[in-house]
Structures are given as C-alpha cells and as structure tokens.
Amino acid sequence: MSVYNQNFDDLDEIGKAESIVMLLETLPPVKEMKTYLLQMSRFSDPSLKTWKDRISPAALGMLRWIIASNRSCLVQVDRCPGQDDAEVVMSKVRLDQRVSNVTDNWVQFRFAQGSPDKEQRFLNALRAQQANFDPQFPSIFAWHGSPLPNWHSIIRSGLDFKEVSHGRAYGHGVYHAQDQAVSVGYAAPNQVSFHPH
C-alpha cells in the first residue's frame, strides 16, 4: 500500500521512476484487461475507467499515456499456443505474413513502426502498387538486433542513427541482416561486432 502524499512533479528523478514502476505494477495483465473489455462490450461501450476496484485513476492515466505516445505496434502474424479460431479472427492474425523457415516452436510477431491505422494505409498502398514493382528488386524481410536497453527508445522514436552504438562499418544508417544469427549477436548483452568481408 502506498499513500499519494506528494505531487509527481515535485519528486526527484529516482522518486519519479519508482512511482512509475509502482503504478505499472498495479495494472492487471493485458489478458485480464482484454477479458474485462470484451465482457463490457456486451452491455455498453467498453472502458477501463469503469474498473475502479482494479485500476486506479493514476495507473489508468499512465496506461493512456503509454498507449497514446507509442509510435510502434506489434502485429501478430502467427497463431499463439491455445488460441482458437475465433480468437485468431478477433486478433486479426496475419498468417499470410509469416516468415518462412522459422520453426513451429516460435510465435511470430512483426514490429511495425507507426500506429496500426498508418500501418494499414501503408499496406493498402503497397498492394495497390504491387504490379508496378520491379521483380529484380523484391521486398525482403530483414532482422535488426539491438540490446534490450535500446528498445524503449526504438519503440518510442523508431530506428534512428543519430547516436553511434556499434560503429559505421558501411556508412550511416540503421543496419539489418538477412541472417537472424547476425542480428542476434547485436541483441545480446555483450554485443559482438560481426562484419563479414
């Protein structure tokens, strides 16, 4: 239990960080929030605001800020274990976007830069131009590896190369690899530079 006896803006940086973590830890798991909203949708407009005995106004404000300020989303492209056909349809799983040669013990998601509505507009525009693409230069899937501490920034502001994290072996840019193993090397806590010649 914690008493709200201080204005957030008056806290020092450590106090602010501790308050944010405390608020996030009070939130129910996403699956519980989804279940609650689905149950509510049968009777009225679903809103977490009405779940007063489970989510405090402060925690709800934090959750709204996180969602509203997010520039990225994860798109489910594979069926999760235990997910039935109805859930697959409701989740808008995109089985047609699965990457080939990935074993069945992995569930695939795609990291999309931008909000879901912008992602959909991009995909629609891509489909509309499909006939005009030169088959000599097809779209390819590539992997990007970055250690865990970098992902907050990546999710918030995208893949940006203002700061040098791993050098510039091939010039300025955000590096990707067609081989997952190369990118995994950069995602590890003690990244190993890998530059094939």
C-alpha atoms as a PDB file:
ATOM      1  CA  MET A   1       0.000   0.000   0.000  1.00  0.00           C
ATOM      2  CA  SER A   2       1.230   3.472  -0.797  1.00  0.00           C
ATOM      3  CA  VAL A   3      -0.092   6.881   0.176  1.00  0.00           C
ATOM      4  CA  TYR A   4      -0.308   9.560  -2.501  1.00  0.00           C
ATOM      5  CA  ASN A   5       1.038  12.454  -0.480  1.00  0.00           C
ATOM      6  CA  GLN A   6       3.301  14.207  -2.944  1.00  0.00           C
ATOM      7  CA  ASN A   7       2.967  15.837  -6.329  1.00  0.00           C
ATOM      8  CA  PHE A   8       4.717  13.767  -9.030  1.00  0.00           C
ATOM      9  CA  ASP A   9       6.427  16.870 -10.461  1.00  0.00           C
ATOM     10  CA  ASP A  10       7.995  17.593  -7.061  1.00  0.00           C
ATOM     11  CA  LEU A  11       9.731  14.191  -6.871  1.00  0.00           C
ATOM     12  CA  ASP A  12      13.392  13.749  -7.779  1.00  0.00           C
ATOM     13  CA  GLU A  13      14.285  11.520 -10.765  1.00  0.00           C
ATOM     14  CA  ILE A  14      14.590   8.355  -8.644  1.00  0.00           C
ATOM     15  CA  GLY A  15      11.264   9.087  -6.928  1.00  0.00           C
ATOM     16  CA  LYS A  16       9.585   9.615 -10.314  1.00  0.00           C
ATOM     17  CA  ALA A  17      10.990   6.331 -11.646  1.00  0.00           C
ATOM     18  CA  GLU A  18       9.878   4.456  -8.521  1.00  0.00           C
ATOM     19  CA  SER A  19       6.379   5.967  -8.765  1.00  0.00           C
ATOM     20  CA  ILE A  20       6.046   4.973 -12.411  1.00  0.00           C
ATOM     21  CA  VAL A  21       7.148   1.404 -11.695  1.00  0.00           C
ATOM     22  CA  MET A  22       4.735   1.196  -8.755  1.00  0.00           C
ATOM     23  CA  LEU A  23       1.826   2.383 -10.922  1.00  0.00           C
ATOM     24  CA  LEU A  24       2.698  -0.055 -13.714  1.00  0.00           C
ATOM     25  CA  GLU A  25       2.869  -2.936 -11.240  1.00  0.00           C
ATOM     26  CA  THR A  26      -0.703  -2.195 -10.104  1.00  0.00           C
ATOM     27  CA  LEU A  27      -2.080  -2.717 -13.618  1.00  0.00           C
ATOM     28  CA  PRO A  28      -3.686  -6.084 -14.318  1.00  0.00           C
ATOM     29  CA  PRO A  29      -2.149  -8.278 -17.034  1.00  0.00           C
ATOM     30  CA  VAL A  30      -3.112  -7.348 -20.600  1.00  0.00           C
ATOM     31  CA  LYS A  31      -5.081 -10.588 -20.962  1.00  0.00           C
ATOM     32  CA  GLU A  32      -7.245  -9.661 -17.937  1.00  0.00           C
ATOM     33  CA  MET A  33      -7.840  -6.161 -19.315  1.00  0.00           C
ATOM     34  CA  LYS A  34      -8.827  -7.665 -22.668  1.00  0.00           C
ATOM     35  CA  THR A  35     -11.247 -10.090 -20.972  1.00  0.00           C
ATOM     36  CA  TYR A  36     -12.786  -7.249 -18.955  1.00  0.00           C
ATOM     37  CA  LEU A  37     -13.257  -5.064 -22.049  1.00  0.00           C
ATOM     38  CA  LEU A  38     -14.768  -7.951 -24.037  1.00  0.00           C
ATOM     39  CA  GLN A  39     -17.252  -8.663 -21.233  1.00  0.00           C
ATOM     40  CA  MET A  40     -18.171  -4.971 -21.016  1.00  0.00           C
ATOM     41  CA  SER A  41     -18.687  -4.704 -24.773  1.00  0.00           C
ATOM     42  CA  ARG A  42     -21.727  -6.983 -24.490  1.00  0.00           C
ATOM     43  CA  PHE A  43     -23.576  -4.382 -22.429  1.00  0.00           C
ATOM     44  CA  SER A  44     -22.042  -0.951 -23.097  1.00  0.00           C
ATOM     45  CA  ASP A  45     -19.084   0.914 -24.536  1.00  0.00           C
ATOM     46  CA  PRO A  46     -16.034  -0.802 -23.036  1.00  0.00           C
ATOM     47  CA  SER A  47     -13.792   1.327 -20.851  1.00  0.00           C
ATOM     48  CA  LEU A  48     -11.138   0.520 -18.283  1.00  0.00           C
ATOM     49  CA  LYS A  49     -12.191   3.694 -16.477  1.00  0.00           C
ATOM     50  CA  THR A  50     -15.150   1.809 -15.009  1.00  0.00           C
ATOM     51  CA  TRP A  51     -12.930  -0.901 -13.470  1.00  0.00           C
ATOM     52  CA  LYS A  52     -12.400   1.272 -10.377  1.00  0.00           C
ATOM     53  CA  ASP A  53     -11.798  -1.560  -7.936  1.00  0.00           C
ATOM     54  CA  ARG A  54      -8.867  -2.833 -10.060  1.00  0.00           C
ATOM     55  CA  ILE A  55      -7.262   0.175 -11.804  1.00  0.00           C
ATOM     56  CA  SER A  56      -6.541   3.464 -10.030  1.00  0.00           C
ATOM     57  CA  PRO A  57      -7.027   6.760 -11.917  1.00  0.00           C
ATOM     58  CA  ALA A  58      -3.262   7.373 -11.693  1.00  0.00           C
ATOM     59  CA  ALA A  59      -2.436   3.954 -13.193  1.00  0.00           C
ATOM     60  CA  LEU A  60      -5.062   4.453 -15.908  1.00  0.00           C
ATOM     61  CA  GLY A  61      -3.531   7.834 -16.745  1.00  0.00           C
ATOM     62  CA  MET A  62      -0.116   6.178 -17.055  1.00  0.00           C
ATOM     63  CA  LEU A  63      -1.534   3.442 -19.299  1.00  0.00           C
ATOM     64  CA  ARG A  64      -3.260   6.011 -21.527  1.00  0.00           C
ATOM     65  CA  TRP A  65      -0.024   7.986 -21.879  1.00  0.00           C
ATOM     66  CA  ILE A  66       1.899   4.827 -22.809  1.00  0.00           C
ATOM     67  CA  ILE A  67      -0.626   3.880 -25.474  1.00  0.00           C
ATOM     68  CA  ALA A  68      -1.143   7.406 -26.848  1.00  0.00           C
ATOM     69  CA  SER A  69       2.577   8.175 -27.108  1.00  0.00           C
ATOM     70  CA  ASN A  70       3.555   4.887 -28.696  1.00  0.00           C
ATOM     71  CA  ARG A  71       4.721   5.191 -32.301  1.00  0.00           C
ATOM     72  CA  SER A  72       5.032   1.471 -32.877  1.00  0.00           C
ATOM     73  CA  CYS A  73       2.983  -1.653 -32.592  1.00  0.00           C
ATOM     74  CA  LEU A  74       3.469  -5.396 -32.629  1.00  0.00           C
ATOM     75  CA  VAL A  75       1.444  -7.171 -35.277  1.00  0.00           C
ATOM     76  CA  GLN A  76       0.599 -10.799 -34.594  1.00  0.00           C
ATOM     77  CA  VAL A  77       1.350 -12.866 -37.686  1.00  0.00           C
ATOM     78  CA  ASP A  78       1.103 -16.323 -36.150  1.00  0.00           C
ATOM     79  CA  ARG A  79      -1.293 -18.361 -34.054  1.00  0.00           C
ATOM     80  CA  CYS A  80      -0.371 -18.416 -30.343  1.00  0.00           C
ATOM     81  CA  PRO A  81      -0.491 -21.731 -28.455  1.00  0.00           C
ATOM     82  CA  GLY A  82      -4.040 -22.366 -27.201  1.00  0.00           C
ATOM     83  CA  GLN A  83      -5.568 -19.658 -29.412  1.00  0.00           C
ATOM     84  CA  ASP A  84      -8.787 -20.900 -31.014  1.00  0.00           C
ATOM     85  CA  ASP A  85     -10.083 -19.894 -34.467  1.00  0.00           C
ATOM     86  CA  ALA A  86     -12.424 -17.208 -33.077  1.00  0.00           C
ATOM     87  CA  GLU A  87      -9.546 -15.561 -31.185  1.00  0.00           C
ATOM     88  CA  VAL A  88      -7.348 -15.701 -34.289  1.00  0.00           C
ATOM     89  CA  VAL A  89     -10.026 -13.836 -36.255  1.00  0.00           C
ATOM     90  CA  MET A  90     -10.618 -11.279 -33.468  1.00  0.00           C
ATOM     91  CA  SER A  91      -6.882 -10.677 -33.057  1.00  0.00           C
ATOM     92  CA  LYS A  92      -6.605 -10.053 -36.798  1.00  0.00           C
ATOM     93  CA  VAL A  93      -3.742 -12.522 -37.045  1.00  0.00           C
ATOM     94  CA  ARG A  94      -1.974 -12.151 -40.396  1.00  0.00           C
ATOM     95  CA  LEU A  95      -0.954 -15.716 -41.188  1.00  0.00           C
ATOM     96  CA  ASP A  96      -0.126 -14.654 -44.770  1.00  0.00           C
ATOM     97  CA  GLN A  97       2.741 -12.508 -43.424  1.00  0.00           C
ATOM     98  CA  ARG A  98       4.609 -15.333 -41.672  1.00  0.00           C
ATOM     99  CA  VAL A  99       8.312 -15.560 -42.387  1.00  0.00           C
ATOM    100  CA  SER A 100       9.217 -18.921 -43.896  1.00  0.00           C
ATOM    101  CA  ASN A 101      11.819 -21.295 -42.441  1.00  0.00           C
ATOM    102  CA  VAL A 102      11.018 -20.358 -38.816  1.00  0.00           C
ATOM    103  CA  THR A 103      10.368 -23.449 -36.710  1.00  0.00           C
ATOM    104  CA  ASP A 104       6.951 -24.075 -35.152  1.00  0.00           C
ATOM    105  CA  ASN A 105       8.216 -23.586 -31.595  1.00  0.00           C
ATOM    106  CA  TRP A 106       8.329 -19.809 -32.216  1.00  0.00           C
ATOM    107  CA  VAL A 107       5.296 -17.491 -32.423  1.00  0.00           C
ATOM    108  CA  GLN A 108       5.886 -14.755 -34.969  1.00  0.00           C
ATOM    109  CA  PHE A 109       5.103 -11.089 -34.449  1.00  0.00           C
ATOM    110  CA  ARG A 110       6.141  -8.218 -36.689  1.00  0.00           C
ATOM    111  CA  PHE A 111       7.332  -4.899 -35.297  1.00  0.00           C
ATOM    112  CA  ALA A 112       5.571  -2.116 -37.183  1.00  0.00           C
ATOM    113  CA  GLN A 113       6.755   1.465 -36.982  1.00  0.00           C
ATOM    114  CA  GLY A 114       3.754   3.766 -36.740  1.00  0.00           C
ATOM    115  CA  SER A 115       0.222   3.359 -35.491  1.00  0.00           C
ATOM    116  CA  PRO A 116      -1.963   0.448 -36.684  1.00  0.00           C
ATOM    117  CA  ASP A 117      -4.087   2.738 -38.895  1.00  0.00           C
ATOM    118  CA  LYS A 118      -0.957   4.119 -40.609  1.00  0.00           C
ATOM    119  CA  GLU A 119       0.373   0.568 -40.965  1.00  0.00           C
ATOM    120  CA  GLN A 120      -2.886  -0.435 -42.702  1.00  0.00           C
ATOM    121  CA  ARG A 121      -2.722   2.569 -45.056  1.00  0.00           C
ATOM    122  CA  PHE A 122       0.886   1.635 -45.909  1.00  0.00           C
ATOM    123  CA  LEU A 123      -0.087  -1.994 -46.639  1.00  0.00           C
ATOM    124  CA  ASN A 124      -3.023  -0.867 -48.798  1.00  0.00           C
ATOM    125  CA  ALA A 125      -0.758   1.474 -50.781  1.00  0.00           C
ATOM    126  CA  LEU A 126       1.823  -1.310 -51.133  1.00  0.00           C
ATOM    127  CA  ARG A 127      -0.816  -3.712 -52.503  1.00  0.00           C
ATOM    128  CA  ALA A 128      -2.086  -1.048 -54.922  1.00  0.00           C
ATOM    129  CA  GLN A 129       1.437  -0.631 -56.352  1.00  0.00           C
ATOM    130  CA  GLN A 130       2.366  -4.330 -56.376  1.00  0.00           C
ATOM    131  CA  ALA A 131       2.013  -4.667 -60.165  1.00  0.00           C
ATOM    132  CA  ASN A 132       4.432  -1.764 -60.726  1.00  0.00           C
ATOM    133  CA  PHE A 133       7.278  -3.247 -58.697  1.00  0.00           C
ATOM    134  CA  ASP A 134      10.376  -4.462 -60.492  1.00  0.00           C
ATOM    135  CA  PRO A 135      10.743  -8.214 -59.743  1.00  0.00           C
ATOM    136  CA  GLN A 136      14.512  -7.720 -59.877  1.00  0.00           C
ATOM    137  CA  PHE A 137      14.225  -5.769 -56.577  1.00  0.00           C
ATOM    138  CA  PRO A 138      11.667  -7.619 -54.428  1.00  0.00           C
ATOM    139  CA  SER A 139      10.713  -6.729 -50.870  1.00  0.00           C
ATOM    140  CA  ILE A 140      12.691  -8.767 -48.385  1.00  0.00           C
ATOM    141  CA  PHE A 141      12.451  -9.412 -44.664  1.00  0.00           C
ATOM    142  CA  ALA A 142      15.462  -8.415 -42.609  1.00  0.00           C
ATOM    143  CA  TRP A 143      16.410  -8.656 -38.945  1.00  0.00           C
ATOM    144  CA  HIS A 144      17.576  -5.864 -36.642  1.00  0.00           C
ATOM    145  CA  GLY A 145      19.388  -6.710 -33.422  1.00  0.00           C
ATOM    146  CA  SER A 146      19.728  -4.323 -30.528  1.00  0.00           C
ATOM    147  CA  PRO A 147      20.257  -4.901 -26.795  1.00  0.00           C
ATOM    148  CA  LEU A 148      17.216  -4.677 -24.524  1.00  0.00           C
ATOM    149  CA  PRO A 149      18.042  -1.221 -23.075  1.00  0.00           C
ATOM    150  CA  ASN A 150      17.781   0.273 -26.596  1.00  0.00           C
ATOM    151  CA  TRP A 151      14.250  -0.963 -27.269  1.00  0.00           C
ATOM    152  CA  HIS A 152      12.432   1.680 -25.222  1.00  0.00           C
ATOM    153  CA  SER A 153      13.937   4.346 -27.462  1.00  0.00           C
ATOM    154  CA  ILE A 154      13.332   2.285 -30.621  1.00  0.00           C
ATOM    155  CA  ILE A 155       9.663   1.770 -29.743  1.00  0.00           C
ATOM    156  CA  ARG A 156       9.191   5.447 -28.888  1.00  0.00           C
ATOM    157  CA  SER A 157      11.094   7.120 -31.717  1.00  0.00           C
ATOM    158  CA  GLY A 158      11.885   4.436 -34.271  1.00  0.00           C
ATOM    159  CA  LEU A 159      15.164   3.151 -35.613  1.00  0.00           C
ATOM    160  CA  ASP A 160      17.336   6.238 -35.525  1.00  0.00           C
ATOM    161  CA  PHE A 161      21.049   6.526 -36.203  1.00  0.00           C
ATOM    162  CA  LYS A 162      21.785   9.897 -34.550  1.00  0.00           C
ATOM    163  CA  GLU A 163      23.924   8.141 -31.946  1.00  0.00           C
ATOM    164  CA  VAL A 164      26.583   5.595 -32.843  1.00  0.00           C
ATOM    165  CA  SER A 165      26.112   2.342 -30.896  1.00  0.00           C
ATOM    166  CA  HIS A 166      28.109  -0.149 -32.964  1.00  0.00           C
ATOM    167  CA  GLY A 167      30.212   1.861 -35.373  1.00  0.00           C
ATOM    168  CA  ARG A 168      29.683   2.664 -39.010  1.00  0.00           C
ATOM    169  CA  ALA A 169      31.359  -0.153 -40.907  1.00  0.00           C
ATOM    170  CA  TYR A 170      29.237   0.519 -44.003  1.00  0.00           C
ATOM    171  CA  GLY A 171      28.408   4.227 -43.502  1.00  0.00           C
ATOM    172  CA  HIS A 172      25.487   5.989 -41.798  1.00  0.00           C
ATOM    173  CA  GLY A 173      22.264   4.059 -41.429  1.00  0.00           C
ATOM    174  CA  VAL A 174      20.312   1.515 -39.443  1.00  0.00           C
ATOM    175  CA  TYR A 175      21.736  -1.918 -40.123  1.00  0.00           C
ATOM    176  CA  HIS A 176      19.708  -5.055 -40.799  1.00  0.00           C
ATOM    177  CA  ALA A 177      20.711  -8.583 -41.758  1.00  0.00           C
ATOM    178  CA  GLN A 178      19.053 -11.305 -43.784  1.00  0.00           C
ATOM    179  CA  ASP A 179      20.577 -13.863 -41.424  1.00  0.00           C
ATOM    180  CA  GLN A 180      18.920 -13.818 -37.992  1.00  0.00           C
ATOM    181  CA  ALA A 181      22.120 -15.032 -36.302  1.00  0.00           C
ATOM    182  CA  VAL A 182      23.935 -11.827 -37.266  1.00  0.00           C
ATOM    183  CA  SER A 183      21.252  -9.643 -35.659  1.00  0.00           C
ATOM    184  CA  VAL A 184      21.052 -11.847 -32.560  1.00  0.00           C
ATOM    185  CA  GLY A 185      24.747 -11.082 -31.993  1.00  0.00           C
ATOM    186  CA  TYR A 186      23.884  -7.389 -31.682  1.00  0.00           C
ATOM    187  CA  ALA A 187      20.894  -8.084 -29.389  1.00  0.00           C
ATOM    188  CA  ALA A 188      22.973  -9.904 -26.782  1.00  0.00           C
ATOM    189  CA  PRO A 189      24.000  -8.031 -23.599  1.00  0.00           C
ATOM    190  CA  ASN A 190      27.655  -8.189 -24.679  1.00  0.00           C
ATOM    191  CA  GLN A 191      27.259  -7.489 -28.378  1.00  0.00           C
ATOM    192  CA  VAL A 192      29.846  -8.839 -30.738  1.00  0.00           C
ATOM    193  CA  SER A 193      30.580  -6.844 -33.842  1.00  0.00           C
ATOM    194  CA  PHE A 194      30.128  -9.027 -36.886  1.00  0.00           C
ATOM    195  CA  HIS A 195      31.312  -7.675 -40.203  1.00  0.00           C
ATOM    196  CA  PRO A 196      31.794 -10.352 -42.862  1.00  0.00           C
ATOM    197  CA  HIS A 197      34.215  -9.483 -45.632  1.00  0.00           C
END
